[in-house]
Amino acid sequence: MPLNDTVAFLRAWLRAPRRIGAVTPSGAALARLMTAHVSQLDGPVIELGPGTGALTRALLAHGVPPHRLALIEADPHFADALARRYPKTKILRMDAAQLGHTQPLFGDERACAVVSGLPLLSMPAAQVAAIVQGVFDRQLRADGMFYQFTYGPRCPLPASLLKRLHLQARRVGGVMLNLPPASVYCISRRPDIQVAA
């Protein structure tokens, strides 16, 4: 990782450690696992909380065209750095909890995947619910996938929230060499639920 990314991450962590939720940026192995399945999908992609861009780099390396990638970043310092580094991506400086009140980011076409680096375990339950519901209600197509990593021992979305939103979660894999070790989950609509594409 470039030194300036590490410095930017540490500054952001010092400003708001609970909002960052990690002690270091995502490692390369975690970024690969988080984005490996996205290249098999066909459609635009939304990244939540890109921070220094570790997952952004992996998404672009896996073939997501920059103009088909929307980055949702609330921290103005990270958002400015991302805009300089990835000028062809769509960058929205906003809280991801507002996605339910936002028009679909790619017009008539919904995203095939959302990749999230947000620290859901350190967020208020109402904010997590707003993020997930907004993504599935307004931004993801019917067969879209939501990829989330966590440092916790289980899925970061509570079972009650998954049930209420008619979602299911499966563990995709883990990265023991990440600091700290992390697991990746794929959240999708339950197959018994009919949703308009």
N, C-alpha and C. Protein backbone atom coordinates (compact mmCIF):
# COMPACT_ATOMS: atom_id res chain seq x y z
N MET A 1 0.84 -1.18 0.00
CA MET A 1 0.00 0.00 0.00
C MET A 1 0.89 1.24 0.00
N PRO A 2 0.56 2.23 -0.81
CA PRO A 2 1.36 3.45 -0.84
C PRO A 2 1.38 4.13 0.53
N LEU A 3 2.53 4.75 0.85
CA LEU A 3 2.69 5.41 2.14
C LEU A 3 1.65 6.50 2.36
N ASN A 4 1.33 7.27 1.31
CA ASN A 4 0.35 8.34 1.49
C ASN A 4 -1.04 7.79 1.84
N ASP A 5 -1.38 6.57 1.36
CA ASP A 5 -2.64 5.94 1.73
C ASP A 5 -2.64 5.57 3.21
N THR A 6 -1.53 5.06 3.69
CA THR A 6 -1.42 4.69 5.10
C THR A 6 -1.56 5.93 5.98
N VAL A 7 -0.90 7.00 5.60
CA VAL A 7 -0.98 8.25 6.37
C VAL A 7 -2.41 8.78 6.37
N ALA A 8 -3.07 8.76 5.19
CA ALA A 8 -4.45 9.23 5.11
C ALA A 8 -5.38 8.37 5.97
N PHE A 9 -5.15 7.07 5.96
CA PHE A 9 -5.97 6.17 6.78
C PHE A 9 -5.79 6.47 8.26
N LEU A 10 -4.54 6.65 8.69
CA LEU A 10 -4.28 6.92 10.10
C LEU A 10 -4.89 8.25 10.53
N ARG A 11 -4.82 9.26 9.67
CA ARG A 11 -5.44 10.55 10.00
C ARG A 11 -6.96 10.40 10.17
N ALA A 12 -7.57 9.66 9.24
CA ALA A 12 -9.02 9.45 9.34
C ALA A 12 -9.37 8.66 10.59
N TRP A 13 -8.56 7.67 10.92
CA TRP A 13 -8.82 6.87 12.12
C TRP A 13 -8.71 7.73 13.37
N LEU A 14 -7.73 8.63 13.41
CA LEU A 14 -7.58 9.51 14.57
C LEU A 14 -8.75 10.48 14.69
N ARG A 15 -9.30 10.92 13.54
CA ARG A 15 -10.46 11.83 13.57
C ARG A 15 -11.71 11.13 14.08
N ALA A 16 -11.91 9.88 13.67
CA ALA A 16 -13.15 9.17 14.03
C ALA A 16 -12.93 7.67 14.01
N PRO A 17 -12.30 7.10 15.05
CA PRO A 17 -11.97 5.68 15.05
C PRO A 17 -13.18 4.77 14.92
N ARG A 18 -14.32 5.13 15.49
CA ARG A 18 -15.51 4.26 15.39
C ARG A 18 -16.08 4.25 13.98
N ARG A 19 -15.92 5.36 13.27
CA ARG A 19 -16.45 5.41 11.91
C ARG A 19 -15.55 4.62 10.95
N ILE A 20 -14.26 4.54 11.23
CA ILE A 20 -13.35 3.79 10.38
C ILE A 20 -13.46 2.30 10.67
N GLY A 21 -13.44 1.93 11.95
CA GLY A 21 -13.72 0.56 12.34
C GLY A 21 -12.61 -0.44 12.12
N ALA A 22 -11.44 -0.04 11.69
CA ALA A 22 -10.32 -0.96 11.47
C ALA A 22 -9.05 -0.28 11.96
N VAL A 23 -8.02 -1.10 12.17
CA VAL A 23 -6.75 -0.53 12.59
C VAL A 23 -5.80 -0.33 11.43
N THR A 24 -6.09 -0.98 10.30
CA THR A 24 -5.31 -0.82 9.08
C THR A 24 -6.25 -0.92 7.89
N PRO A 25 -5.85 -0.39 6.73
CA PRO A 25 -6.67 -0.57 5.53
C PRO A 25 -6.76 -2.05 5.14
N SER A 26 -7.76 -2.39 4.36
CA SER A 26 -7.92 -3.78 3.91
C SER A 26 -6.68 -4.24 3.18
N GLY A 27 -6.26 -5.47 3.49
CA GLY A 27 -5.09 -6.05 2.83
C GLY A 27 -5.44 -6.57 1.44
N ALA A 28 -4.41 -6.88 0.67
CA ALA A 28 -4.59 -7.33 -0.72
C ALA A 28 -5.37 -8.64 -0.79
N ALA A 29 -5.11 -9.57 0.12
CA ALA A 29 -5.82 -10.86 0.09
C ALA A 29 -7.31 -10.68 0.36
N LEU A 30 -7.64 -9.81 1.33
CA LEU A 30 -9.05 -9.55 1.61
C LEU A 30 -9.70 -8.85 0.42
N ALA A 31 -9.02 -7.91 -0.18
CA ALA A 31 -9.56 -7.21 -1.35
C ALA A 31 -9.83 -8.19 -2.48
N ARG A 32 -8.93 -9.14 -2.69
CA ARG A 32 -9.13 -10.14 -3.75
C ARG A 32 -10.36 -11.00 -3.46
N LEU A 33 -10.51 -11.44 -2.21
CA LEU A 33 -11.65 -12.28 -1.85
C LEU A 33 -12.96 -11.50 -1.98
N MET A 34 -12.95 -10.25 -1.56
CA MET A 34 -14.16 -9.43 -1.61
C MET A 34 -14.64 -9.18 -3.05
N THR A 35 -13.71 -9.13 -3.98
CA THR A 35 -14.05 -8.74 -5.35
C THR A 35 -13.99 -9.88 -6.35
N ALA A 36 -13.58 -11.07 -5.93
CA ALA A 36 -13.37 -12.19 -6.86
C ALA A 36 -14.64 -12.56 -7.63
N HIS A 37 -15.79 -12.53 -6.98
CA HIS A 37 -17.03 -12.97 -7.63
C HIS A 37 -17.66 -11.87 -8.47
N VAL A 38 -17.26 -10.63 -8.24
CA VAL A 38 -17.88 -9.51 -8.95
C VAL A 38 -17.58 -9.58 -10.44
N SER A 39 -16.39 -10.05 -10.80
CA SER A 39 -16.03 -10.11 -12.22
C SER A 39 -16.89 -11.10 -12.99
N GLN A 40 -17.55 -12.03 -12.29
CA GLN A 40 -18.41 -13.01 -12.94
C GLN A 40 -19.80 -12.44 -13.21
N LEU A 41 -20.10 -11.29 -12.62
CA LEU A 41 -21.41 -10.66 -12.78
C LEU A 41 -21.33 -9.62 -13.89
N ASP A 42 -22.48 -9.26 -14.43
CA ASP A 42 -22.51 -8.30 -15.53
C ASP A 42 -23.40 -7.12 -15.13
N GLY A 43 -22.76 -6.00 -14.87
CA GLY A 43 -23.53 -4.82 -14.51
C GLY A 43 -22.69 -3.86 -13.71
N PRO A 44 -23.25 -2.69 -13.40
CA PRO A 44 -22.51 -1.72 -12.61
C PRO A 44 -22.35 -2.19 -11.17
N VAL A 45 -21.38 -1.61 -10.48
CA VAL A 45 -21.02 -2.00 -9.12
C VAL A 45 -20.99 -0.76 -8.24
N ILE A 46 -21.44 -0.92 -7.01
CA ILE A 46 -21.40 0.15 -6.01
C ILE A 46 -20.48 -0.28 -4.89
N GLU A 47 -19.57 0.59 -4.50
CA GLU A 47 -18.70 0.32 -3.35
C GLU A 47 -19.07 1.27 -2.22
N LEU A 48 -19.30 0.72 -1.05
CA LEU A 48 -19.63 1.51 0.13
C LEU A 48 -18.40 1.65 1.01
N GLY A 49 -18.05 2.89 1.36
CA GLY A 49 -16.92 3.13 2.25
C GLY A 49 -15.59 2.73 1.66
N PRO A 50 -15.23 3.23 0.48
CA PRO A 50 -13.97 2.83 -0.15
C PRO A 50 -12.71 3.28 0.59
N GLY A 51 -12.81 4.33 1.40
CA GLY A 51 -11.64 4.76 2.17
C GLY A 51 -10.47 5.10 1.28
N THR A 52 -9.35 4.40 1.47
CA THR A 52 -8.15 4.67 0.68
C THR A 52 -8.18 4.01 -0.70
N GLY A 53 -9.18 3.16 -0.95
CA GLY A 53 -9.33 2.57 -2.27
C GLY A 53 -8.76 1.18 -2.45
N ALA A 54 -8.54 0.44 -1.37
CA ALA A 54 -7.99 -0.92 -1.50
C ALA A 54 -8.93 -1.82 -2.28
N LEU A 55 -10.22 -1.77 -1.96
CA LEU A 55 -11.19 -2.59 -2.70
C LEU A 55 -11.43 -2.00 -4.09
N THR A 56 -11.37 -0.68 -4.21
CA THR A 56 -11.55 -0.03 -5.52
C THR A 56 -10.51 -0.54 -6.51
N ARG A 57 -9.25 -0.57 -6.06
CA ARG A 57 -8.18 -1.07 -6.93
C ARG A 57 -8.45 -2.50 -7.38
N ALA A 58 -8.91 -3.34 -6.44
CA ALA A 58 -9.19 -4.74 -6.77
C ALA A 58 -10.37 -4.85 -7.74
N LEU A 59 -11.40 -4.05 -7.55
CA LEU A 59 -12.54 -4.07 -8.47
C LEU A 59 -12.10 -3.70 -9.88
N LEU A 60 -11.31 -2.65 -10.01
CA LEU A 60 -10.82 -2.25 -11.33
C LEU A 60 -9.91 -3.31 -11.93
N ALA A 61 -9.08 -3.93 -11.10
CA ALA A 61 -8.19 -5.00 -11.57
C ALA A 61 -8.98 -6.22 -12.05
N HIS A 62 -10.16 -6.43 -11.45
CA HIS A 62 -11.01 -7.55 -11.87
C HIS A 62 -11.86 -7.21 -13.08
N GLY A 63 -11.66 -6.02 -13.65
CA GLY A 63 -12.32 -5.70 -14.91
C GLY A 63 -13.56 -4.84 -14.83
N VAL A 64 -13.90 -4.31 -13.65
CA VAL A 64 -15.04 -3.40 -13.58
C VAL A 64 -14.63 -2.09 -14.25
N PRO A 65 -15.33 -1.66 -15.30
CA PRO A 65 -14.97 -0.40 -15.96
C PRO A 65 -15.18 0.77 -14.99
N PRO A 66 -14.27 1.74 -14.97
CA PRO A 66 -14.40 2.85 -14.03
C PRO A 66 -15.74 3.57 -14.10
N HIS A 67 -16.28 3.75 -15.31
CA HIS A 67 -17.55 4.47 -15.44
C HIS A 67 -18.74 3.65 -14.96
N ARG A 68 -18.51 2.36 -14.65
CA ARG A 68 -19.56 1.48 -14.13
C ARG A 68 -19.38 1.23 -12.64
N LEU A 69 -18.58 2.07 -11.99
CA LEU A 69 -18.29 1.91 -10.56
C LEU A 69 -18.66 3.19 -9.82
N ALA A 70 -19.54 3.06 -8.83
CA ALA A 70 -19.94 4.20 -7.99
C ALA A 70 -19.34 4.01 -6.61
N LEU A 71 -18.65 5.03 -6.11
CA LEU A 71 -18.00 4.99 -4.80
C LEU A 71 -18.78 5.90 -3.86
N ILE A 72 -19.26 5.33 -2.74
CA ILE A 72 -20.03 6.09 -1.74
C ILE A 72 -19.12 6.31 -0.55
N GLU A 73 -18.68 7.55 -0.35
CA GLU A 73 -17.70 7.86 0.71
C GLU A 73 -18.14 9.10 1.47
N ALA A 74 -18.35 8.95 2.78
CA ALA A 74 -18.79 10.07 3.61
C ALA A 74 -17.64 10.96 4.06
N ASP A 75 -16.44 10.41 4.20
CA ASP A 75 -15.30 11.19 4.67
C ASP A 75 -14.79 12.09 3.54
N PRO A 76 -14.83 13.41 3.70
CA PRO A 76 -14.45 14.31 2.61
C PRO A 76 -12.99 14.16 2.17
N HIS A 77 -12.10 13.84 3.10
CA HIS A 77 -10.68 13.68 2.75
C HIS A 77 -10.49 12.47 1.85
N PHE A 78 -11.11 11.34 2.23
CA PHE A 78 -11.04 10.15 1.38
C PHE A 78 -11.70 10.41 0.03
N ALA A 79 -12.88 11.06 0.05
CA ALA A 79 -13.60 11.31 -1.20
C ALA A 79 -12.78 12.16 -2.17
N ASP A 80 -12.10 13.19 -1.65
CA ASP A 80 -11.27 14.04 -2.50
C ASP A 80 -10.12 13.25 -3.11
N ALA A 81 -9.48 12.41 -2.28
CA ALA A 81 -8.35 11.60 -2.77
C ALA A 81 -8.83 10.60 -3.82
N LEU A 82 -9.99 9.99 -3.60
CA LEU A 82 -10.54 9.04 -4.58
C LEU A 82 -10.86 9.74 -5.90
N ALA A 83 -11.41 10.96 -5.82
CA ALA A 83 -11.74 11.72 -7.03
C ALA A 83 -10.50 12.02 -7.85
N ARG A 84 -9.40 12.32 -7.18
CA ARG A 84 -8.14 12.57 -7.90
C ARG A 84 -7.59 11.29 -8.52
N ARG A 85 -7.68 10.20 -7.78
CA ARG A 85 -7.08 8.94 -8.23
C ARG A 85 -7.94 8.21 -9.26
N TYR A 86 -9.26 8.31 -9.12
CA TYR A 86 -10.18 7.56 -10.00
C TYR A 86 -11.21 8.53 -10.61
N PRO A 87 -10.77 9.44 -11.47
CA PRO A 87 -11.68 10.49 -11.97
C PRO A 87 -12.82 9.96 -12.85
N LYS A 88 -12.69 8.75 -13.39
CA LYS A 88 -13.74 8.22 -14.26
C LYS A 88 -14.83 7.48 -13.50
N THR A 89 -14.62 7.27 -12.19
CA THR A 89 -15.66 6.63 -11.39
C THR A 89 -16.67 7.69 -10.96
N LYS A 90 -17.83 7.21 -10.52
CA LYS A 90 -18.86 8.11 -9.98
C LYS A 90 -18.67 8.14 -8.47
N ILE A 91 -18.37 9.31 -7.91
CA ILE A 91 -18.12 9.43 -6.48
C ILE A 91 -19.23 10.26 -5.85
N LEU A 92 -19.86 9.67 -4.83
CA LEU A 92 -20.91 10.37 -4.10
C LEU A 92 -20.44 10.58 -2.67
N ARG A 93 -20.37 11.83 -2.27
CA ARG A 93 -19.94 12.19 -0.91
C ARG A 93 -21.17 12.19 -0.02
N MET A 94 -21.45 11.03 0.57
CA MET A 94 -22.68 10.89 1.34
C MET A 94 -22.60 9.70 2.28
N ASP A 95 -23.50 9.70 3.25
CA ASP A 95 -23.68 8.57 4.15
C ASP A 95 -24.43 7.49 3.38
N ALA A 96 -23.94 6.26 3.42
CA ALA A 96 -24.58 5.16 2.69
C ALA A 96 -26.00 4.91 3.17
N ALA A 97 -26.35 5.36 4.37
CA ALA A 97 -27.71 5.20 4.88
C ALA A 97 -28.72 6.00 4.06
N GLN A 98 -28.25 6.94 3.24
CA GLN A 98 -29.14 7.75 2.41
C GLN A 98 -29.46 7.10 1.06
N LEU A 99 -28.89 5.93 0.78
CA LEU A 99 -29.11 5.29 -0.52
C LEU A 99 -30.57 4.93 -0.76
N GLY A 100 -31.32 4.72 0.30
CA GLY A 100 -32.73 4.42 0.14
C GLY A 100 -33.55 5.62 -0.29
N HIS A 101 -32.99 6.82 -0.17
CA HIS A 101 -33.66 8.05 -0.55
C HIS A 101 -33.05 8.65 -1.81
N THR A 102 -32.21 7.87 -2.48
CA THR A 102 -31.49 8.33 -3.66
C THR A 102 -31.99 7.57 -4.88
N GLN A 103 -32.11 8.23 -5.99
CA GLN A 103 -32.47 7.55 -7.23
C GLN A 103 -31.40 6.50 -7.54
N PRO A 104 -31.77 5.42 -8.25
CA PRO A 104 -30.75 4.44 -8.64
C PRO A 104 -29.56 5.14 -9.29
N LEU A 105 -28.37 4.77 -8.86
CA LEU A 105 -27.16 5.50 -9.25
C LEU A 105 -26.81 5.36 -10.72
N PHE A 106 -27.34 4.32 -11.37
CA PHE A 106 -27.04 4.12 -12.79
C PHE A 106 -28.29 4.21 -13.65
N GLY A 107 -29.19 5.09 -13.25
CA GLY A 107 -30.41 5.31 -14.03
C GLY A 107 -31.33 4.11 -14.00
N ASP A 108 -31.77 3.67 -15.19
CA ASP A 108 -32.69 2.54 -15.27
C ASP A 108 -32.02 1.21 -14.95
N GLU A 109 -30.72 1.18 -14.98
CA GLU A 109 -29.99 -0.06 -14.71
C GLU A 109 -29.60 -0.12 -13.24
N ARG A 110 -29.95 -1.21 -12.60
CA ARG A 110 -29.58 -1.40 -11.19
C ARG A 110 -28.21 -2.09 -11.12
N ALA A 111 -27.55 -1.94 -9.99
CA ALA A 111 -26.23 -2.54 -9.79
C ALA A 111 -26.35 -4.06 -9.68
N CYS A 112 -25.34 -4.75 -10.17
CA CYS A 112 -25.30 -6.21 -10.03
C CYS A 112 -24.69 -6.59 -8.68
N ALA A 113 -23.89 -5.68 -8.11
CA ALA A 113 -23.23 -5.99 -6.84
C ALA A 113 -22.94 -4.73 -6.06
N VAL A 114 -22.95 -4.89 -4.75
CA VAL A 114 -22.49 -3.86 -3.83
C VAL A 114 -21.37 -4.50 -3.01
N VAL A 115 -20.25 -3.80 -2.92
CA VAL A 115 -19.11 -4.26 -2.14
C VAL A 115 -18.92 -3.26 -1.01
N SER A 116 -18.97 -3.75 0.23
CA SER A 116 -18.96 -2.84 1.38
C SER A 116 -17.77 -3.04 2.28
N GLY A 117 -17.07 -1.93 2.52
CA GLY A 117 -16.00 -1.90 3.50
C GLY A 117 -16.42 -1.16 4.75
N LEU A 118 -17.73 -0.94 4.92
CA LEU A 118 -18.22 -0.20 6.09
C LEU A 118 -18.10 -1.04 7.36
N PRO A 119 -17.79 -0.40 8.48
CA PRO A 119 -17.67 -1.11 9.76
C PRO A 119 -19.04 -1.32 10.40
N LEU A 120 -19.83 -2.23 9.87
CA LEU A 120 -21.21 -2.39 10.32
C LEU A 120 -21.32 -2.71 11.80
N LEU A 121 -20.35 -3.47 12.33
CA LEU A 121 -20.44 -3.86 13.74
C LEU A 121 -20.29 -2.68 14.69
N SER A 122 -19.71 -1.59 14.25
CA SER A 122 -19.54 -0.42 15.12
C SER A 122 -20.57 0.67 14.84
N MET A 123 -21.54 0.38 14.00
CA MET A 123 -22.57 1.35 13.65
C MET A 123 -23.85 1.08 14.43
N PRO A 124 -24.66 2.13 14.67
CA PRO A 124 -25.97 1.91 15.29
C PRO A 124 -26.83 1.00 14.43
N ALA A 125 -27.65 0.18 15.08
CA ALA A 125 -28.48 -0.79 14.36
C ALA A 125 -29.39 -0.11 13.34
N ALA A 126 -29.93 1.05 13.68
CA ALA A 126 -30.83 1.75 12.75
C ALA A 126 -30.10 2.18 11.49
N GLN A 127 -28.84 2.59 11.63
CA GLN A 127 -28.05 3.01 10.47
C GLN A 127 -27.75 1.80 9.58
N VAL A 128 -27.38 0.68 10.19
CA VAL A 128 -27.10 -0.55 9.42
C VAL A 128 -28.36 -0.96 8.66
N ALA A 129 -29.50 -0.95 9.33
CA ALA A 129 -30.76 -1.34 8.68
C ALA A 129 -31.06 -0.41 7.51
N ALA A 130 -30.84 0.90 7.69
CA ALA A 130 -31.10 1.86 6.61
C ALA A 130 -30.20 1.61 5.42
N ILE A 131 -28.93 1.30 5.68
CA ILE A 131 -27.99 1.02 4.58
C ILE A 131 -28.44 -0.20 3.79
N VAL A 132 -28.67 -1.29 4.49
CA VAL A 132 -29.00 -2.56 3.82
C VAL A 132 -30.35 -2.46 3.11
N GLN A 133 -31.34 -1.90 3.77
CA GLN A 133 -32.65 -1.78 3.13
C GLN A 133 -32.58 -0.85 1.92
N GLY A 134 -31.86 0.26 2.04
CA GLY A 134 -31.72 1.17 0.92
C GLY A 134 -31.05 0.53 -0.28
N VAL A 135 -30.03 -0.26 -0.01
CA VAL A 135 -29.32 -0.96 -1.09
C VAL A 135 -30.26 -1.91 -1.81
N PHE A 136 -30.98 -2.74 -1.04
CA PHE A 136 -31.83 -3.75 -1.68
C PHE A 136 -33.11 -3.16 -2.26
N ASP A 137 -33.64 -2.11 -1.66
CA ASP A 137 -34.87 -1.51 -2.17
C ASP A 137 -34.64 -0.65 -3.41
N ARG A 138 -33.52 0.07 -3.46
CA ARG A 138 -33.36 1.09 -4.49
C ARG A 138 -32.19 0.88 -5.46
N GLN A 139 -31.17 0.15 -5.06
CA GLN A 139 -29.93 0.17 -5.85
C GLN A 139 -29.59 -1.16 -6.53
N LEU A 140 -29.90 -2.28 -5.90
CA LEU A 140 -29.51 -3.59 -6.44
C LEU A 140 -30.62 -4.20 -7.30
N ARG A 141 -30.24 -4.84 -8.38
CA ARG A 141 -31.23 -5.56 -9.17
C ARG A 141 -31.68 -6.82 -8.40
N ALA A 142 -32.70 -7.48 -8.91
CA ALA A 142 -33.33 -8.59 -8.19
C ALA A 142 -32.34 -9.69 -7.83
N ASP A 143 -31.39 -10.00 -8.72
CA ASP A 143 -30.42 -11.06 -8.44
C ASP A 143 -29.08 -10.50 -7.94
N GLY A 144 -29.08 -9.25 -7.51
CA GLY A 144 -27.83 -8.61 -7.08
C GLY A 144 -27.30 -9.16 -5.77
N MET A 145 -26.00 -9.01 -5.59
CA MET A 145 -25.29 -9.53 -4.41
C MET A 145 -24.66 -8.38 -3.63
N PHE A 146 -24.69 -8.51 -2.31
CA PHE A 146 -24.10 -7.53 -1.40
C PHE A 146 -22.97 -8.24 -0.67
N TYR A 147 -21.72 -7.81 -0.90
CA TYR A 147 -20.55 -8.43 -0.26
C TYR A 147 -20.07 -7.55 0.88
N GLN A 148 -19.92 -8.15 2.05
CA GLN A 148 -19.52 -7.42 3.25
C GLN A 148 -18.46 -8.22 3.99
N PHE A 149 -17.40 -7.55 4.42
CA PHE A 149 -16.44 -8.27 5.27
C PHE A 149 -16.63 -7.85 6.71
N THR A 150 -16.16 -8.70 7.60
CA THR A 150 -16.29 -8.44 9.02
C THR A 150 -15.10 -9.01 9.76
N TYR A 151 -14.77 -8.39 10.88
CA TYR A 151 -13.74 -8.93 11.77
C TYR A 151 -14.37 -9.74 12.89
N GLY A 152 -15.68 -9.81 12.91
CA GLY A 152 -16.40 -10.56 13.94
C GLY A 152 -16.49 -12.04 13.61
N PRO A 153 -17.00 -12.84 14.57
CA PRO A 153 -17.05 -14.29 14.40
C PRO A 153 -18.24 -14.78 13.57
N ARG A 154 -19.19 -13.89 13.23
CA ARG A 154 -20.37 -14.31 12.46
C ARG A 154 -20.79 -13.18 11.53
N CYS A 155 -21.83 -13.41 10.77
CA CYS A 155 -22.33 -12.41 9.83
C CYS A 155 -22.62 -11.10 10.57
N PRO A 156 -22.18 -9.96 10.04
CA PRO A 156 -22.39 -8.70 10.73
C PRO A 156 -23.83 -8.19 10.69
N LEU A 157 -24.69 -8.83 9.89
CA LEU A 157 -26.10 -8.46 9.87
C LEU A 157 -26.87 -9.38 10.80
N PRO A 158 -27.62 -8.82 11.74
CA PRO A 158 -28.37 -9.68 12.66
C PRO A 158 -29.43 -10.51 11.94
N ALA A 159 -29.68 -11.70 12.47
CA ALA A 159 -30.66 -12.60 11.86
C ALA A 159 -32.03 -11.95 11.76
N SER A 160 -32.38 -11.12 12.75
CA SER A 160 -33.69 -10.45 12.72
C SER A 160 -33.81 -9.49 11.54
N LEU A 161 -32.73 -8.80 11.21
CA LEU A 161 -32.74 -7.89 10.06
C LEU A 161 -32.83 -8.67 8.76
N LEU A 162 -32.05 -9.74 8.65
CA LEU A 162 -32.11 -10.58 7.45
C LEU A 162 -33.53 -11.10 7.24
N LYS A 163 -34.15 -11.57 8.31
CA LYS A 163 -35.52 -12.11 8.21
C LYS A 163 -36.50 -11.03 7.79
N ARG A 164 -36.40 -9.86 8.42
CA ARG A 164 -37.34 -8.77 8.12
C ARG A 164 -37.24 -8.32 6.67
N LEU A 165 -36.02 -8.31 6.12
CA LEU A 165 -35.82 -7.85 4.74
C LEU A 165 -35.85 -8.99 3.73
N HIS A 166 -36.15 -10.20 4.18
CA HIS A 166 -36.23 -11.38 3.29
C HIS A 166 -34.90 -11.64 2.59
N LEU A 167 -33.82 -11.59 3.38
CA LEU A 167 -32.48 -11.79 2.84
C LEU A 167 -31.86 -13.06 3.43
N GLN A 168 -30.83 -13.52 2.77
CA GLN A 168 -30.04 -14.65 3.28
C GLN A 168 -28.57 -14.28 3.20
N ALA A 169 -27.77 -14.89 4.07
CA ALA A 169 -26.32 -14.61 4.09
C ALA A 169 -25.57 -15.92 4.06
N ARG A 170 -24.48 -15.93 3.30
CA ARG A 170 -23.59 -17.10 3.32
C ARG A 170 -22.15 -16.61 3.39
N ARG A 171 -21.35 -17.34 4.13
CA ARG A 171 -19.94 -17.00 4.26
C ARG A 171 -19.22 -17.44 3.00
N VAL A 172 -18.51 -16.50 2.36
CA VAL A 172 -17.77 -16.78 1.13
C VAL A 172 -16.40 -17.34 1.43
N GLY A 173 -15.79 -16.85 2.52
CA GLY A 173 -14.45 -17.30 2.88
C GLY A 173 -13.84 -16.39 3.92
N GLY A 174 -12.61 -16.67 4.27
CA GLY A 174 -11.92 -15.88 5.27
C GLY A 174 -10.48 -15.63 4.88
N VAL A 175 -9.90 -14.63 5.50
CA VAL A 175 -8.50 -14.27 5.25
C VAL A 175 -7.80 -14.16 6.60
N MET A 176 -7.07 -15.18 6.96
CA MET A 176 -6.39 -15.19 8.26
C MET A 176 -5.20 -14.24 8.29
N LEU A 177 -4.59 -13.98 7.12
CA LEU A 177 -3.40 -13.14 7.08
C LEU A 177 -3.72 -11.65 7.06
N ASN A 178 -5.00 -11.30 7.01
CA ASN A 178 -5.38 -9.90 7.11
C ASN A 178 -5.18 -9.43 8.54
N LEU A 179 -4.98 -8.13 8.75
CA LEU A 179 -4.81 -7.59 10.10
C LEU A 179 -5.98 -6.65 10.40
N PRO A 180 -6.94 -7.06 11.25
CA PRO A 180 -7.10 -8.38 11.84
C PRO A 180 -7.70 -9.37 10.85
N PRO A 181 -7.70 -10.68 11.19
CA PRO A 181 -8.33 -11.67 10.30
C PRO A 181 -9.78 -11.30 10.01
N ALA A 182 -10.23 -11.61 8.80
CA ALA A 182 -11.56 -11.19 8.37
C ALA A 182 -12.29 -12.30 7.65
N SER A 183 -13.61 -12.23 7.67
CA SER A 183 -14.47 -13.12 6.91
C SER A 183 -15.31 -12.29 5.94
N VAL A 184 -15.67 -12.90 4.82
CA VAL A 184 -16.48 -12.23 3.81
C VAL A 184 -17.81 -12.96 3.68
N TYR A 185 -18.89 -12.17 3.67
CA TYR A 185 -20.24 -12.71 3.52
C TYR A 185 -20.89 -12.15 2.27
N CYS A 186 -21.70 -12.98 1.64
CA CYS A 186 -22.51 -12.56 0.50
C CYS A 186 -23.96 -12.56 0.96
N ILE A 187 -24.60 -11.41 0.86
CA ILE A 187 -25.99 -11.27 1.26
C ILE A 187 -26.82 -11.11 -0.01
N SER A 188 -27.90 -11.85 -0.10
CA SER A 188 -28.76 -11.80 -1.29
C SER A 188 -30.21 -11.99 -0.87
N ARG A 189 -31.11 -11.74 -1.80
CA ARG A 189 -32.52 -11.97 -1.54
C ARG A 189 -32.78 -13.48 -1.45
N ARG A 190 -33.72 -13.85 -0.60
CA ARG A 190 -34.08 -15.26 -0.52
C ARG A 190 -34.72 -15.68 -1.84
N PRO A 191 -34.42 -16.89 -2.32
CA PRO A 191 -34.94 -17.30 -3.64
C PRO A 191 -36.45 -17.43 -3.67
N ASP A 192 -37.10 -17.56 -2.50
CA ASP A 192 -38.56 -17.70 -2.48
C ASP A 192 -39.28 -16.36 -2.54
N ILE A 193 -38.52 -15.26 -2.56
CA ILE A 193 -39.11 -13.93 -2.60
C ILE A 193 -39.05 -13.40 -4.03
N GLN A 194 -40.18 -13.03 -4.58
CA GLN A 194 -40.25 -12.50 -5.94
C GLN A 194 -40.07 -10.98 -5.90
N VAL A 195 -39.09 -10.48 -6.63
CA VAL A 195 -38.82 -9.04 -6.70
C VAL A 195 -38.70 -8.64 -8.15
N ALA A 196 -39.26 -7.50 -8.50
CA ALA A 196 -39.15 -7.01 -9.87
C ALA A 196 -37.70 -6.67 -10.17
N ALA A 197 -37.22 -7.00 -11.36
CA ALA A 197 -35.82 -6.75 -11.73
C ALA A 197 -35.56 -5.28 -11.90
